[in-house]
Amino acid sequence: MIMKTLPLALFLIAGLAQAADYPLDAPAPDGRRPGGTISQELPTPVIPADENKDIKRERNYPEQPPTIPHSIRGYQITGDANKCLACHSRAGSAVSQAPMISITHYMDRDGQVLAAVSPRRYFCVQCHVPQKEVKPLVDNRFRTIDDVLRDAVDGTSKQP
């Protein structure tokens, strides 16, 4: 009985919403992609270009994974292949002159050294990310430990 009346109830509710002149063109929420209305489709923003500077970046804390200083567009990283290892593995780094991945990537969870990259470290982009050439969306007031220590020695306090 309920299953037969459910479509009728939905039809009536839809009719009431239309009769009440429900604003289907209400302004969309103002987020990172402002403008438009709920029913309006805006063009997709352009994807920013990858930074391709091949320079090492300063790390902000001791165990921070390094960022990827070049484009990885088109790189295949699957269970069967990892394009990153072509240049950054032990053998690959000697040929390409790219930095070799850390020895920790060759260790299992118990600290035993393996002959090949550990399966838990195989998918590079879980920790390492390429950078985009974009203007920051928000003000960054992060302070490195060096900044904090320098201010402590100088006796100044630069709280954000």
C-alpha atoms as a PDB file:
ATOM      1  CA  MET A   1       0.000   0.000   0.000  1.00  0.00           C
ATOM      2  CA  ILE A   2       2.769   2.439   0.981  1.00  0.00           C
ATOM      3  CA  MET A   3       4.766   1.624  -2.146  1.00  0.00           C
ATOM      4  CA  LYS A   4       1.776   2.528  -4.347  1.00  0.00           C
ATOM      5  CA  THR A   5       1.170   5.879  -2.654  1.00  0.00           C
ATOM      6  CA  LEU A   6       4.838   6.949  -2.426  1.00  0.00           C
ATOM      7  CA  PRO A   7       5.110   8.107  -6.073  1.00  0.00           C
ATOM      8  CA  LEU A   8       1.845  10.014  -5.701  1.00  0.00           C
ATOM      9  CA  ALA A   9       3.104  11.730  -2.529  1.00  0.00           C
ATOM     10  CA  LEU A  10       6.370  12.714  -4.218  1.00  0.00           C
ATOM     11  CA  PHE A  11       4.462  14.078  -7.194  1.00  0.00           C
ATOM     12  CA  LEU A  12       2.265  16.175  -4.882  1.00  0.00           C
ATOM     13  CA  ILE A  13       5.267  17.534  -2.967  1.00  0.00           C
ATOM     14  CA  ALA A  14       6.993  18.497  -6.227  1.00  0.00           C
ATOM     15  CA  GLY A  15       3.799  20.196  -7.385  1.00  0.00           C
ATOM     16  CA  LEU A  16       3.528  22.148  -4.125  1.00  0.00           C
ATOM     17  CA  ALA A  17       7.138  23.304  -4.392  1.00  0.00           C
ATOM     18  CA  GLN A  18       6.539  24.526  -7.928  1.00  0.00           C
ATOM     19  CA  ALA A  19       3.256  26.155  -6.966  1.00  0.00           C
ATOM     20  CA  ALA A  20       5.005  27.961  -4.094  1.00  0.00           C
ATOM     21  CA  ASP A  21       7.388  29.405  -6.688  1.00  0.00           C
ATOM     22  CA  TYR A  22      10.416  27.794  -5.062  1.00  0.00           C
ATOM     23  CA  PRO A  23      13.495  29.790  -6.172  1.00  0.00           C
ATOM     24  CA  LEU A  24      15.462  27.307  -8.281  1.00  0.00           C
ATOM     25  CA  ASP A  25      17.748  30.130  -9.342  1.00  0.00           C
ATOM     26  CA  ALA A  26      18.748  31.115  -5.802  1.00  0.00           C
ATOM     27  CA  PRO A  27      22.338  32.363  -5.467  1.00  0.00           C
ATOM     28  CA  ALA A  28      24.876  29.597  -5.052  1.00  0.00           C
ATOM     29  CA  PRO A  29      26.940  29.407  -1.862  1.00  0.00           C
ATOM     30  CA  ASP A  30      29.902  31.777  -2.042  1.00  0.00           C
ATOM     31  CA  GLY A  31      32.875  29.433  -1.745  1.00  0.00           C
ATOM     32  CA  ARG A  32      36.180  29.177  -3.590  1.00  0.00           C
ATOM     33  CA  ARG A  33      34.277  29.333  -6.879  1.00  0.00           C
ATOM     34  CA  PRO A  34      31.875  32.254  -6.290  1.00  0.00           C
ATOM     35  CA  GLY A  35      29.083  33.464  -8.532  1.00  0.00           C
ATOM     36  CA  GLY A  36      26.257  31.858 -10.407  1.00  0.00           C
ATOM     37  CA  THR A  37      23.112  30.228  -9.144  1.00  0.00           C
ATOM     38  CA  ILE A  38      22.248  26.728  -8.029  1.00  0.00           C
ATOM     39  CA  SER A  39      20.844  25.710 -11.420  1.00  0.00           C
ATOM     40  CA  GLN A  40      23.462  27.570 -13.496  1.00  0.00           C
ATOM     41  CA  GLU A  41      26.619  25.816 -14.680  1.00  0.00           C
ATOM     42  CA  LEU A  42      29.710  28.009 -14.860  1.00  0.00           C
ATOM     43  CA  PRO A  43      32.781  27.155 -16.932  1.00  0.00           C
ATOM     44  CA  THR A  44      35.356  25.070 -15.098  1.00  0.00           C
ATOM     45  CA  PRO A  45      38.315  27.117 -13.844  1.00  0.00           C
ATOM     46  CA  VAL A  46      41.645  26.568 -15.596  1.00  0.00           C
ATOM     47  CA  ILE A  47      43.920  24.075 -13.825  1.00  0.00           C
ATOM     48  CA  PRO A  48      47.079  25.945 -12.805  1.00  0.00           C
ATOM     49  CA  ALA A  49      50.420  24.876 -14.238  1.00  0.00           C
ATOM     50  CA  ASP A  50      52.755  22.703 -12.173  1.00  0.00           C
ATOM     51  CA  GLU A  51      55.844  24.373 -10.859  1.00  0.00           C
ATOM     52  CA  ASN A  52      58.836  23.006 -12.743  1.00  0.00           C
ATOM     53  CA  LYS A  53      61.869  24.555 -11.052  1.00  0.00           C
ATOM     54  CA  ASP A  54      63.797  21.428 -10.028  1.00  0.00           C
ATOM     55  CA  ILE A  55      65.053  23.111  -6.858  1.00  0.00           C
ATOM     56  CA  LYS A  56      64.912  21.696  -3.362  1.00  0.00           C
ATOM     57  CA  ARG A  57      62.594  23.527  -1.020  1.00  0.00           C
ATOM     58  CA  GLU A  58      63.285  24.265   2.618  1.00  0.00           C
ATOM     59  CA  ARG A  59      61.348  21.955   4.926  1.00  0.00           C
ATOM     60  CA  ASN A  60      59.361  23.483   7.761  1.00  0.00           C
ATOM     61  CA  TYR A  61      59.742  20.627  10.251  1.00  0.00           C
ATOM     62  CA  PRO A  62      62.149  17.684  10.617  1.00  0.00           C
ATOM     63  CA  GLU A  63      60.061  14.816   9.208  1.00  0.00           C
ATOM     64  CA  GLN A  64      58.286  16.794   6.485  1.00  0.00           C
ATOM     65  CA  PRO A  65      58.285  14.881   3.186  1.00  0.00           C
ATOM     66  CA  PRO A  66      59.957  16.908   0.430  1.00  0.00           C
ATOM     67  CA  THR A  67      57.685  18.368  -2.224  1.00  0.00           C
ATOM     68  CA  ILE A  68      58.048  17.316  -5.859  1.00  0.00           C
ATOM     69  CA  PRO A  69      59.873  20.158  -7.654  1.00  0.00           C
ATOM     70  CA  HIS A  70      58.784  19.157 -11.166  1.00  0.00           C
ATOM     71  CA  SER A  71      55.678  18.195 -13.100  1.00  0.00           C
ATOM     72  CA  ILE A  72      54.460  14.604 -12.743  1.00  0.00           C
ATOM     73  CA  ARG A  73      51.640  14.912 -15.252  1.00  0.00           C
ATOM     74  CA  GLY A  74      51.328  11.623 -17.116  1.00  0.00           C
ATOM     75  CA  TYR A  75      53.402   9.655 -14.597  1.00  0.00           C
ATOM     76  CA  GLN A  76      52.047   6.180 -13.994  1.00  0.00           C
ATOM     77  CA  ILE A  77      52.017   5.001 -10.392  1.00  0.00           C
ATOM     78  CA  THR A  78      50.140   1.723 -10.108  1.00  0.00           C
ATOM     79  CA  GLY A  79      50.721  -1.597  -8.386  1.00  0.00           C
ATOM     80  CA  ASP A  80      52.641  -2.720 -11.493  1.00  0.00           C
ATOM     81  CA  ALA A  81      54.642   0.403 -12.372  1.00  0.00           C
ATOM     82  CA  ASN A  82      56.075   3.485 -10.681  1.00  0.00           C
ATOM     83  CA  LYS A  83      57.533   6.135 -12.997  1.00  0.00           C
ATOM     84  CA  CYS A  84      59.135   7.984 -10.048  1.00  0.00           C
ATOM     85  CA  LEU A  85      61.439   5.042  -9.371  1.00  0.00           C
ATOM     86  CA  ALA A  86      62.903   5.287 -12.882  1.00  0.00           C
ATOM     87  CA  CYS A  87      64.897   8.305 -11.646  1.00  0.00           C
ATOM     88  CA  HIS A  88      64.801   8.131  -7.849  1.00  0.00           C
ATOM     89  CA  SER A  89      65.573   4.451  -7.114  1.00  0.00           C
ATOM     90  CA  ARG A  90      69.084   3.335  -6.163  1.00  0.00           C
ATOM     91  CA  ALA A  91      70.002   2.361  -9.735  1.00  0.00           C
ATOM     92  CA  GLY A  92      68.007   5.161 -11.393  1.00  0.00           C
ATOM     93  CA  SER A  93      69.508   7.983  -9.339  1.00  0.00           C
ATOM     94  CA  ALA A  94      73.041   7.158 -10.508  1.00  0.00           C
ATOM     95  CA  VAL A  95      71.977   7.558 -14.136  1.00  0.00           C
ATOM     96  CA  SER A  96      69.552  10.493 -13.797  1.00  0.00           C
ATOM     97  CA  GLN A  97      71.439  12.374 -11.062  1.00  0.00           C
ATOM     98  CA  ALA A  98      68.097  12.805  -9.259  1.00  0.00           C
ATOM     99  CA  PRO A  99      68.144  12.472  -5.464  1.00  0.00           C
ATOM    100  CA  MET A 100      67.740   8.871  -4.334  1.00  0.00           C
ATOM    101  CA  ILE A 101      64.718   8.141  -2.181  1.00  0.00           C
ATOM    102  CA  SER A 102      65.425   7.838   1.517  1.00  0.00           C
ATOM    103  CA  ILE A 103      66.675   4.543   2.922  1.00  0.00           C
ATOM    104  CA  THR A 104      63.521   4.533   5.054  1.00  0.00           C
ATOM    105  CA  HIS A 105      61.566   3.756   1.876  1.00  0.00           C
ATOM    106  CA  TYR A 106      63.409   0.405   1.763  1.00  0.00           C
ATOM    107  CA  MET A 107      62.376  -0.585   5.310  1.00  0.00           C
ATOM    108  CA  ASP A 108      59.365  -2.521   6.486  1.00  0.00           C
ATOM    109  CA  ARG A 109      57.324  -1.507   9.528  1.00  0.00           C
ATOM    110  CA  ASP A 110      59.705  -3.418  11.812  1.00  0.00           C
ATOM    111  CA  GLY A 111      62.774  -1.528  10.529  1.00  0.00           C
ATOM    112  CA  GLN A 112      64.116  -4.456   8.488  1.00  0.00           C
ATOM    113  CA  VAL A 113      65.894  -3.304   5.315  1.00  0.00           C
ATOM    114  CA  LEU A 114      64.362  -4.713   2.128  1.00  0.00           C
ATOM    115  CA  ALA A 115      65.896  -5.234  -1.322  1.00  0.00           C
ATOM    116  CA  ALA A 116      63.108  -3.245  -3.002  1.00  0.00           C
ATOM    117  CA  VAL A 117      60.921  -0.305  -2.029  1.00  0.00           C
ATOM    118  CA  SER A 118      58.540  -1.178   0.780  1.00  0.00           C
ATOM    119  CA  PRO A 119      54.931  -1.628  -0.394  1.00  0.00           C
ATOM    120  CA  ARG A 120      53.808   0.958   2.175  1.00  0.00           C
ATOM    121  CA  ARG A 121      56.182   3.536   0.600  1.00  0.00           C
ATOM    122  CA  TYR A 122      55.564   2.599  -3.052  1.00  0.00           C
ATOM    123  CA  PHE A 123      52.820   5.160  -3.841  1.00  0.00           C
ATOM    124  CA  CYS A 124      54.856   8.373  -3.705  1.00  0.00           C
ATOM    125  CA  VAL A 125      52.018  10.905  -3.960  1.00  0.00           C
ATOM    126  CA  GLN A 126      50.554   9.754  -0.639  1.00  0.00           C
ATOM    127  CA  CYS A 127      53.199  11.955   1.021  1.00  0.00           C
ATOM    128  CA  HIS A 128      54.989  13.900  -1.731  1.00  0.00           C
ATOM    129  CA  VAL A 129      53.055  16.481  -3.739  1.00  0.00           C
ATOM    130  CA  PRO A 130      53.863  18.673  -6.745  1.00  0.00           C
ATOM    131  CA  GLN A 131      53.390  22.416  -6.339  1.00  0.00           C
ATOM    132  CA  LYS A 132      51.204  24.681  -8.485  1.00  0.00           C
ATOM    133  CA  GLU A 133      52.003  28.223  -9.575  1.00  0.00           C
ATOM    134  CA  VAL A 134      49.087  29.949  -7.841  1.00  0.00           C
ATOM    135  CA  LYS A 135      48.440  32.882  -5.568  1.00  0.00           C
ATOM    136  CA  PRO A 136      47.667  31.625  -2.025  1.00  0.00           C
ATOM    137  CA  LEU A 137      43.951  31.602  -1.174  1.00  0.00           C
ATOM    138  CA  VAL A 138      44.584  32.597   2.437  1.00  0.00           C
ATOM    139  CA  ASP A 139      47.360  34.419   4.270  1.00  0.00           C
ATOM    140  CA  ASN A 140      50.003  31.992   5.524  1.00  0.00           C
ATOM    141  CA  ARG A 141      51.402  32.911   8.933  1.00  0.00           C
ATOM    142  CA  PHE A 142      53.232  29.633   9.584  1.00  0.00           C
ATOM    143  CA  ARG A 143      56.502  30.112  11.438  1.00  0.00           C
ATOM    144  CA  THR A 144      59.313  27.584  11.274  1.00  0.00           C
ATOM    145  CA  ILE A 145      61.017  26.391  14.441  1.00  0.00           C
ATOM    146  CA  ASP A 146      64.056  28.454  13.403  1.00  0.00           C
ATOM    147  CA  ASP A 147      61.899  31.619  13.450  1.00  0.00           C
ATOM    148  CA  VAL A 148      60.489  30.742  16.873  1.00  0.00           C
ATOM    149  CA  LEU A 149      63.947  30.034  18.321  1.00  0.00           C
ATOM    150  CA  ARG A 150      65.437  33.191  16.783  1.00  0.00           C
ATOM    151  CA  ASP A 151      62.658  35.291  18.368  1.00  0.00           C
ATOM    152  CA  ALA A 152      63.219  33.575  21.734  1.00  0.00           C
ATOM    153  CA  VAL A 153      66.945  34.437  21.627  1.00  0.00           C
ATOM    154  CA  ASP A 154      66.251  38.028  20.520  1.00  0.00           C
ATOM    155  CA  GLY A 155      63.607  38.397  23.224  1.00  0.00           C
ATOM    156  CA  THR A 156      60.947  39.380  20.733  1.00  0.00           C
ATOM    157  CA  SER A 157      57.569  37.774  20.335  1.00  0.00           C
ATOM    158  CA  LYS A 158      55.961  37.913  16.913  1.00  0.00           C
ATOM    159  CA  GLN A 159      52.631  36.227  17.517  1.00  0.00           C
ATOM    160  CA  PRO A 160      50.345  36.109  14.474  1.00  0.00           C
END
